[in-house]
């Protein structure tokens, strides 16, 4: 139930910092980090970072196999990130 309330507060008070939310709810910082909402945000941020890294590496001509190892992205994801070749 606490996780639901935390999630609602996060959505309703978008301008508040994590510290302000933590104080308002009187909970430990680690409690907020352990919510499903923050886990999803962390995962989305990681995926975005991996896509940015992959895009830069693809532009530099790094092999797809190496980028897959570094980022964990699938080959189809990497092919979608490849810049279009000009004829």
C-alpha atoms as a PDB file:
ATOM      1  CA  UNK A   1       0.000   0.000   0.000  1.00  0.00           C
ATOM      2  CA  UNK A   2       2.864   2.369   0.799  1.00  0.00           C
ATOM      3  CA  UNK A   3       4.293   1.846  -2.674  1.00  0.00           C
ATOM      4  CA  UNK A   4       0.975   2.894  -4.236  1.00  0.00           C
ATOM      5  CA  UNK A   5       0.894   6.080  -2.177  1.00  0.00           C
ATOM      6  CA  UNK A   6       4.511   6.856  -3.066  1.00  0.00           C
ATOM      7  CA  UNK A   7       3.754   6.370  -6.750  1.00  0.00           C
ATOM      8  CA  UNK A   8       0.711   8.641  -6.574  1.00  0.00           C
ATOM      9  CA  UNK A   9       2.719  11.327  -4.791  1.00  0.00           C
ATOM     10  CA  UNK A  10       5.483  11.119  -7.396  1.00  0.00           C
ATOM     11  CA  UNK A  11       2.957  11.587 -10.199  1.00  0.00           C
ATOM     12  CA  UNK A  12       0.968  14.329  -8.461  1.00  0.00           C
ATOM     13  CA  UNK A  13       3.957  16.371  -7.321  1.00  0.00           C
ATOM     14  CA  UNK A  14       6.158  16.251 -10.409  1.00  0.00           C
ATOM     15  CA  UNK A  15       8.079  19.383  -9.455  1.00  0.00           C
ATOM     16  CA  UNK A  16       9.197  18.056  -6.063  1.00  0.00           C
ATOM     17  CA  UNK A  17      12.647  16.588  -5.664  1.00  0.00           C
ATOM     18  CA  UNK A  18      13.169  13.087  -4.325  1.00  0.00           C
ATOM     19  CA  UNK A  19      14.362  14.628  -1.057  1.00  0.00           C
ATOM     20  CA  UNK A  20      11.185  16.735  -0.745  1.00  0.00           C
ATOM     21  CA  UNK A  21       8.992  13.688  -1.382  1.00  0.00           C
ATOM     22  CA  UNK A  22      10.995  11.648   1.100  1.00  0.00           C
ATOM     23  CA  UNK A  23      10.530  14.321   3.790  1.00  0.00           C
ATOM     24  CA  UNK A  24       6.838  14.756   2.997  1.00  0.00           C
ATOM     25  CA  UNK A  25       6.182  11.024   3.378  1.00  0.00           C
ATOM     26  CA  UNK A  26       8.662  10.674   6.241  1.00  0.00           C
ATOM     27  CA  UNK A  27      10.385   7.677   4.662  1.00  0.00           C
ATOM     28  CA  UNK A  28      13.959   6.611   4.118  1.00  0.00           C
ATOM     29  CA  UNK A  29      15.590   7.409   0.778  1.00  0.00           C
ATOM     30  CA  UNK A  30      16.200   3.708   0.194  1.00  0.00           C
ATOM     31  CA  UNK A  31      12.451   3.066   0.439  1.00  0.00           C
ATOM     32  CA  UNK A  32      11.820   5.361  -2.528  1.00  0.00           C
ATOM     33  CA  UNK A  33      14.606   3.723  -4.518  1.00  0.00           C
ATOM     34  CA  UNK A  34      13.048   0.318  -3.944  1.00  0.00           C
ATOM     35  CA  UNK A  35       9.658   1.224  -5.412  1.00  0.00           C
ATOM     36  CA  UNK A  36       8.618  -0.265  -8.721  1.00  0.00           C
ATOM     37  CA  UNK A  37       8.308   3.235 -10.148  1.00  0.00           C
ATOM     38  CA  UNK A  38      11.960   4.069  -9.516  1.00  0.00           C
ATOM     39  CA  UNK A  39      13.080   0.650 -10.732  1.00  0.00           C
ATOM     40  CA  UNK A  40      11.284   1.317 -14.018  1.00  0.00           C
ATOM     41  CA  UNK A  41      12.760   4.826 -14.262  1.00  0.00           C
ATOM     42  CA  UNK A  42      16.269   3.425 -13.690  1.00  0.00           C
ATOM     43  CA  UNK A  43      15.739   0.765 -16.341  1.00  0.00           C
ATOM     44  CA  UNK A  44      14.423   3.309 -18.861  1.00  0.00           C
ATOM     45  CA  UNK A  45      17.382   5.595 -18.158  1.00  0.00           C
ATOM     46  CA  UNK A  46      19.794   2.688 -18.646  1.00  0.00           C
ATOM     47  CA  UNK A  47      18.169   1.743 -21.947  1.00  0.00           C
ATOM     48  CA  UNK A  48      18.302   5.341 -23.158  1.00  0.00           C
ATOM     49  CA  UNK A  49      21.969   5.607 -22.176  1.00  0.00           C
ATOM     50  CA  UNK A  50      22.718   2.324 -23.953  1.00  0.00           C
ATOM     51  CA  UNK A  51      20.978   3.589 -27.114  1.00  0.00           C
ATOM     52  CA  UNK A  52      22.960   6.836 -27.015  1.00  0.00           C
ATOM     53  CA  UNK A  53      26.233   4.941 -26.582  1.00  0.00           C
ATOM     54  CA  UNK A  54      25.294   2.539 -29.367  1.00  0.00           C
ATOM     55  CA  UNK A  55      24.398   5.382 -31.731  1.00  0.00           C
ATOM     56  CA  UNK A  56      27.782   7.026 -31.171  1.00  0.00           C
ATOM     57  CA  UNK A  57      29.649   3.741 -31.593  1.00  0.00           C
ATOM     58  CA  UNK A  58      27.732   2.905 -34.776  1.00  0.00           C
ATOM     59  CA  UNK A  59      28.581   6.327 -36.203  1.00  0.00           C
ATOM     60  CA  UNK A  60      32.254   5.601 -35.480  1.00  0.00           C
ATOM     61  CA  UNK A  61      32.040   2.289 -37.328  1.00  0.00           C
ATOM     62  CA  UNK A  62      32.266  -0.024 -34.317  1.00  0.00           C
ATOM     63  CA  UNK A  63      31.050  -3.553 -35.041  1.00  0.00           C
ATOM     64  CA  UNK A  64      27.536  -4.548 -34.043  1.00  0.00           C
ATOM     65  CA  UNK A  65      28.888  -7.566 -32.169  1.00  0.00           C
ATOM     66  CA  UNK A  66      31.074  -5.404 -29.945  1.00  0.00           C
ATOM     67  CA  UNK A  67      28.277  -2.902 -29.323  1.00  0.00           C
ATOM     68  CA  UNK A  68      25.939  -5.769 -28.359  1.00  0.00           C
ATOM     69  CA  UNK A  69      28.460  -6.864 -25.737  1.00  0.00           C
ATOM     70  CA  UNK A  70      28.930  -3.354 -24.364  1.00  0.00           C
ATOM     71  CA  UNK A  71      25.287  -2.279 -24.258  1.00  0.00           C
ATOM     72  CA  UNK A  72      23.297  -5.488 -24.100  1.00  0.00           C
ATOM     73  CA  UNK A  73      21.048  -4.258 -26.917  1.00  0.00           C
ATOM     74  CA  UNK A  74      19.768  -6.772 -29.446  1.00  0.00           C
ATOM     75  CA  UNK A  75      20.979  -6.856 -33.029  1.00  0.00           C
ATOM     76  CA  UNK A  76      17.581  -5.686 -34.291  1.00  0.00           C
ATOM     77  CA  UNK A  77      17.679  -2.712 -31.881  1.00  0.00           C
ATOM     78  CA  UNK A  78      21.146  -1.812 -33.140  1.00  0.00           C
ATOM     79  CA  UNK A  79      20.159  -2.100 -36.782  1.00  0.00           C
ATOM     80  CA  UNK A  80      17.280   0.287 -36.105  1.00  0.00           C
ATOM     81  CA  UNK A  81      19.766   2.784 -34.649  1.00  0.00           C
ATOM     82  CA  UNK A  82      22.127   2.624 -37.619  1.00  0.00           C
ATOM     83  CA  UNK A  83      22.209   5.786 -39.688  1.00  0.00           C
ATOM     84  CA  UNK A  84      20.778   5.455 -43.173  1.00  0.00           C
ATOM     85  CA  UNK A  85      23.434   4.975 -45.816  1.00  0.00           C
ATOM     86  CA  UNK A  86      23.458   7.593 -48.557  1.00  0.00           C
ATOM     87  CA  UNK A  87      23.652   6.305 -52.097  1.00  0.00           C
END
